[in-house]
């Protein structure tokens, strides 16, 4: 086809939708996750027609995505390293990529110096703490929740899920040894009130979501995607140029929420 055809096509606005709440927006474009990892120096081990597989630059973390097996979805495994025990996480294939990226983007960064608190982002967005044997925070619309679930001695994990009137939309499970700054990054992305963008026909039907139609030029979409990749590359450059300039910090493994920071409903 001619260059003029593609120029004209790229000049035409395309219909997209801003969808909220984001945790009911459907899976989205996997490249939102994978292209950021690639730009951050992760090695793509995927095979044509097979599952997505990426290894971290130091080979301590492996990420996979396979929609063809049950239950399928995202799996992330971290090897034991230093004071950090081995850990794993599993996120359903319909987990919105923006929420998955909250977790996976954090894999490319070091843990912060402050003590992570996965409940804090939920509290800031008005999620409500529910009493019971398990510590649970529920979204204001009651359609998503996050929980520290302990089923017995030595059997505990972080668990999050969302649902529509049709049933469970997705769920995510994190081992108790998952670095807590990663769990906090996940909860921040989960509770983020900003809508996410989906093409027409690429979000699930539900009367529990709100949509706003917008016209977007392909060049605008490309620019937004490129900005995210550029940010990842800039972070890699900054780390390589300032390696050793900061003291190393260790991030504690995930532990149950303490009552002193209990999430509560906003008034």
Protein backbone atom coordinates (compact mmCIF):
# COMPACT_ATOMS: atom_id res chain seq x y z
CA UNK A 1 0.00 0.00 0.00
CA UNK A 2 1.13 3.54 -0.69
CA UNK A 3 2.75 5.87 1.80
CA UNK A 4 -0.14 8.27 1.22
CA UNK A 5 -2.62 5.60 2.38
CA UNK A 6 -0.75 5.07 5.66
CA UNK A 7 -0.25 8.79 6.18
CA UNK A 8 -3.98 9.36 5.78
CA UNK A 9 -4.83 6.40 8.01
CA UNK A 10 -2.52 7.64 10.76
CA UNK A 11 -4.06 11.09 10.52
CA UNK A 12 -7.55 9.75 11.30
CA UNK A 13 -8.69 9.81 14.94
CA UNK A 14 -9.60 6.43 16.39
CA UNK A 15 -12.32 5.85 18.94
CA UNK A 16 -11.10 4.78 22.36
CA UNK A 17 -12.66 4.78 25.79
CA UNK A 18 -11.49 5.89 29.18
CA UNK A 19 -12.65 3.14 31.53
CA UNK A 20 -13.08 3.36 35.29
CA UNK A 21 -12.64 1.85 37.76
CA UNK A 22 -9.45 0.52 36.26
CA UNK A 23 -9.68 -2.84 38.03
CA UNK A 24 -12.74 -3.71 35.91
CA UNK A 25 -11.29 -2.53 32.59
CA UNK A 26 -10.15 -5.93 31.28
CA UNK A 27 -6.68 -7.15 30.43
CA UNK A 28 -5.44 -4.61 27.87
CA UNK A 29 -2.33 -4.59 25.67
CA UNK A 30 0.40 -6.89 27.03
CA UNK A 31 3.07 -4.64 25.52
CA UNK A 32 2.34 -2.12 28.26
CA UNK A 33 4.18 -4.55 30.54
CA UNK A 34 6.63 -6.26 28.23
CA UNK A 35 8.00 -3.24 26.36
CA UNK A 36 8.84 -1.52 29.64
CA UNK A 37 10.74 -4.60 30.81
CA UNK A 38 12.58 -4.86 27.49
CA UNK A 39 13.55 -1.18 27.70
CA UNK A 40 14.73 -1.80 31.27
CA UNK A 41 17.24 -4.40 30.11
CA UNK A 42 15.24 -7.57 30.71
CA UNK A 43 15.97 -10.45 28.34
CA UNK A 44 13.11 -11.64 26.16
CA UNK A 45 13.17 -15.45 26.02
CA UNK A 46 9.75 -15.76 24.37
CA UNK A 47 9.26 -18.05 21.40
CA UNK A 48 7.00 -17.38 18.45
CA UNK A 49 3.57 -18.79 19.21
CA UNK A 50 4.58 -19.71 22.75
CA UNK A 51 4.25 -18.08 26.16
CA UNK A 52 5.91 -14.76 26.99
CA UNK A 53 9.04 -15.20 29.10
CA UNK A 54 11.38 -12.49 30.42
CA UNK A 55 14.40 -12.73 32.72
CA UNK A 56 15.71 -9.87 34.82
CA UNK A 57 19.22 -8.61 33.98
CA UNK A 58 20.66 -10.39 37.04
CA UNK A 59 18.61 -13.55 36.31
CA UNK A 60 17.06 -13.58 39.77
CA UNK A 61 13.49 -12.95 38.55
CA UNK A 62 11.55 -14.62 35.74
CA UNK A 63 8.24 -13.36 34.39
CA UNK A 64 5.91 -15.41 32.23
CA UNK A 65 2.52 -14.97 30.60
CA UNK A 66 0.59 -17.88 29.15
CA UNK A 67 -3.12 -17.51 28.34
CA UNK A 68 -3.41 -21.06 26.97
CA UNK A 69 -3.00 -23.03 30.21
CA UNK A 70 -5.29 -23.09 33.20
CA UNK A 71 -5.54 -20.92 35.15
CA UNK A 72 -3.04 -19.07 32.95
CA UNK A 73 -2.03 -15.45 33.20
CA UNK A 74 1.05 -13.81 34.68
CA UNK A 75 3.56 -15.68 36.84
CA UNK A 76 6.57 -14.02 38.44
CA UNK A 77 9.18 -15.95 40.43
CA UNK A 78 12.10 -14.59 42.36
CA UNK A 79 15.11 -16.64 43.43
CA UNK A 80 16.51 -16.52 46.94
CA UNK A 81 19.23 -13.88 47.11
CA UNK A 82 21.05 -12.64 50.18
CA UNK A 83 18.47 -11.98 52.92
CA UNK A 84 15.59 -12.29 50.45
CA UNK A 85 13.82 -15.66 50.38
CA UNK A 86 12.47 -17.13 47.15
CA UNK A 87 9.04 -15.75 46.29
CA UNK A 88 6.34 -15.98 43.66
CA UNK A 89 3.29 -14.16 42.39
CA UNK A 90 0.43 -15.12 40.06
CA UNK A 91 -1.98 -12.69 38.40
CA UNK A 92 -4.94 -13.78 36.29
CA UNK A 93 -4.81 -13.15 32.54
CA UNK A 94 -7.64 -10.58 32.76
CA UNK A 95 -5.82 -8.49 35.35
CA UNK A 96 -5.55 -5.00 33.78
CA UNK A 97 -2.05 -4.49 32.42
CA UNK A 98 -1.80 -1.14 34.20
CA UNK A 99 -2.17 -2.94 37.54
CA UNK A 100 0.24 -5.70 36.49
CA UNK A 101 2.70 -2.98 35.49
CA UNK A 102 2.48 -1.42 38.93
CA UNK A 103 4.08 -4.62 40.20
CA UNK A 104 6.41 -5.39 37.28
CA UNK A 105 7.69 -1.82 36.88
CA UNK A 106 8.73 -1.98 40.54
CA UNK A 107 10.82 -5.07 39.72
CA UNK A 108 13.13 -2.78 37.74
CA UNK A 109 13.72 -0.49 40.74
CA UNK A 110 15.40 -0.95 44.09
CA UNK A 111 13.29 -0.94 47.23
CA UNK A 112 12.93 2.48 48.81
CA UNK A 113 14.49 3.46 52.13
CA UNK A 114 11.11 3.86 53.86
CA UNK A 115 9.32 0.86 55.35
CA UNK A 116 6.77 -0.27 52.71
CA UNK A 117 3.12 -0.47 53.70
CA UNK A 118 0.82 -2.12 51.10
CA UNK A 119 -2.26 -0.83 52.92
CA UNK A 120 -1.30 2.85 52.74
CA UNK A 121 -2.24 3.43 49.05
CA UNK A 122 -5.61 1.78 49.66
CA UNK A 123 -6.29 3.93 52.71
CA UNK A 124 -5.43 7.09 50.79
CA UNK A 125 -8.07 6.21 48.17
CA UNK A 126 -10.80 5.53 50.71
CA UNK A 127 -10.71 1.74 50.76
CA UNK A 128 -12.40 0.38 53.87
CA UNK A 129 -10.94 -2.09 56.35
CA UNK A 130 -13.31 -4.99 56.97
CA UNK A 131 -13.28 -6.78 60.33
CA UNK A 132 -12.80 -10.52 60.40
CA UNK A 133 -10.22 -13.25 60.87
CA UNK A 134 -8.33 -11.98 57.79
CA UNK A 135 -7.18 -8.40 57.24
CA UNK A 136 -9.13 -7.08 54.23
CA UNK A 137 -9.43 -3.70 52.49
CA UNK A 138 -12.41 -3.18 50.15
CA UNK A 139 -12.83 -0.57 47.42
CA UNK A 140 -15.50 2.12 47.89
CA UNK A 141 -17.72 0.45 45.25
CA UNK A 142 -17.25 -2.97 46.91
CA UNK A 143 -16.05 -4.51 43.64
CA UNK A 144 -12.39 -5.06 44.49
CA UNK A 145 -10.49 -6.05 47.58
CA UNK A 146 -7.07 -6.91 48.91
CA UNK A 147 -6.44 -9.28 51.78
CA UNK A 148 -3.71 -10.77 53.94
CA UNK A 149 -5.01 -14.33 54.10
CA UNK A 150 -3.71 -16.78 56.68
CA UNK A 151 -5.27 -20.23 56.42
CA UNK A 152 -3.06 -21.90 58.99
CA UNK A 153 0.34 -21.95 60.64
CA UNK A 154 2.92 -21.13 58.01
CA UNK A 155 0.20 -20.83 55.34
CA UNK A 156 -0.35 -17.20 54.43
CA UNK A 157 -0.40 -15.04 51.32
CA UNK A 158 -1.51 -11.73 49.90
CA UNK A 159 -4.63 -12.01 47.77
CA UNK A 160 -6.48 -9.47 45.61
CA UNK A 161 -9.50 -9.79 43.37
CA UNK A 162 -12.15 -7.86 41.47
CA UNK A 163 -15.63 -8.80 40.31
CA UNK A 164 -18.51 -7.61 38.16
CA UNK A 165 -22.13 -8.69 38.11
CA UNK A 166 -20.96 -11.62 35.94
CA UNK A 167 -18.59 -13.00 38.59
CA UNK A 168 -14.88 -12.84 39.32
CA UNK A 169 -13.01 -10.65 36.83
CA UNK A 170 -9.50 -11.62 37.97
CA UNK A 171 -7.48 -12.47 41.04
CA UNK A 172 -3.85 -12.14 42.11
CA UNK A 173 -1.89 -14.06 44.75
CA UNK A 174 1.49 -13.17 46.27
CA UNK A 175 3.56 -15.42 48.51
CA UNK A 176 4.28 -14.09 52.03
CA UNK A 177 7.95 -13.76 51.09
CA UNK A 178 7.22 -11.39 48.20
CA UNK A 179 9.23 -8.18 48.79
CA UNK A 180 6.85 -5.77 50.40
CA UNK A 181 7.77 -2.83 48.20
CA UNK A 182 6.45 -4.87 45.26
CA UNK A 183 3.17 -5.58 47.04
CA UNK A 184 2.87 -1.88 47.87
CA UNK A 185 3.47 -0.96 44.22
CA UNK A 186 0.72 -3.39 43.23
CA UNK A 187 -1.76 -1.96 45.73
CA UNK A 188 -0.97 1.58 44.57
CA UNK A 189 -1.74 0.63 40.96
CA UNK A 190 -4.86 -1.25 42.08
CA UNK A 191 -6.29 1.74 43.96
CA UNK A 192 -5.21 4.41 41.46
CA UNK A 193 -8.40 6.34 40.61
CA UNK A 194 -7.22 7.39 37.13
CA UNK A 195 -9.12 5.68 34.30
CA UNK A 196 -7.31 3.54 31.74
CA UNK A 197 -7.71 3.64 27.97
CA UNK A 198 -9.11 0.82 25.89
CA UNK A 199 -9.95 0.57 22.17
CA UNK A 200 -13.57 0.16 21.18
CA UNK A 201 -14.76 -3.37 21.94
CA UNK A 202 -11.75 -4.20 24.10
CA UNK A 203 -13.27 -3.86 27.56
CA UNK A 204 -15.75 -6.24 29.23
CA UNK A 205 -19.48 -5.48 29.27
CA UNK A 206 -20.56 -4.48 32.74
CA UNK A 207 -22.92 -2.00 34.33
CA UNK A 208 -20.31 -1.46 37.05
CA UNK A 209 -17.88 0.43 34.82
CA UNK A 210 -18.03 4.00 33.53
CA UNK A 211 -16.75 4.86 30.08
CA UNK A 212 -15.94 8.12 28.33
CA UNK A 213 -15.53 8.10 24.57
CA UNK A 214 -12.42 9.89 23.26
CA UNK A 215 -10.90 10.35 19.80
CA UNK A 216 -7.19 9.61 19.69
CA UNK A 217 -4.73 9.94 16.84
CA UNK A 218 -2.44 6.92 16.27
CA UNK A 219 0.50 9.30 16.56
CA UNK A 220 -0.69 10.30 20.04
CA UNK A 221 -0.94 6.67 21.14
CA UNK A 222 2.54 6.00 19.78
CA UNK A 223 3.94 9.06 21.58
CA UNK A 224 2.44 7.98 24.92
CA UNK A 225 3.85 4.47 24.51
CA UNK A 226 7.24 5.84 23.54
CA UNK A 227 7.30 8.15 26.56
CA UNK A 228 6.92 5.13 28.84
CA UNK A 229 9.76 3.30 27.06
CA UNK A 230 11.94 6.40 27.19
CA UNK A 231 11.35 6.67 30.94
CA UNK A 232 12.48 3.05 31.40
CA UNK A 233 15.64 3.62 29.38
CA UNK A 234 16.39 6.82 31.28
CA UNK A 235 16.09 4.93 34.58
CA UNK A 236 18.56 2.30 33.33
CA UNK A 237 20.97 5.03 32.24
CA UNK A 238 20.68 6.77 35.62
CA UNK A 239 21.35 3.55 37.53
CA UNK A 240 24.37 2.67 35.40
CA UNK A 241 25.85 6.14 35.83
CA UNK A 242 25.20 6.36 39.56
CA UNK A 243 25.96 2.74 40.48
CA UNK A 244 27.45 2.56 43.93
CA UNK A 245 26.59 6.17 44.75
CA UNK A 246 23.82 5.21 47.17
CA UNK A 247 23.99 2.86 50.14
CA UNK A 248 22.17 -0.40 49.60
CA UNK A 249 18.95 -1.03 51.44
CA UNK A 250 17.14 -4.26 52.05
CA UNK A 251 13.40 -4.64 51.85
CA UNK A 252 11.70 -6.84 54.46
CA UNK A 253 9.44 -9.65 53.38
CA UNK A 254 5.72 -9.09 53.54
CA UNK A 255 4.10 -9.29 56.97
CA UNK A 256 0.53 -8.84 58.19
CA UNK A 257 -0.79 -5.33 58.57
CA UNK A 258 -0.41 -3.73 61.97
CA UNK A 259 -3.52 -2.12 63.50
CA UNK A 260 -1.73 1.22 63.91
CA UNK A 261 -2.08 1.90 60.18
CA UNK A 262 -5.47 0.31 59.63
CA UNK A 263 -7.29 1.37 56.51
CA UNK A 264 -10.60 3.11 57.09
CA UNK A 265 -13.33 4.67 55.03
CA UNK A 266 -13.04 8.37 54.29
CA UNK A 267 -15.64 10.56 55.84
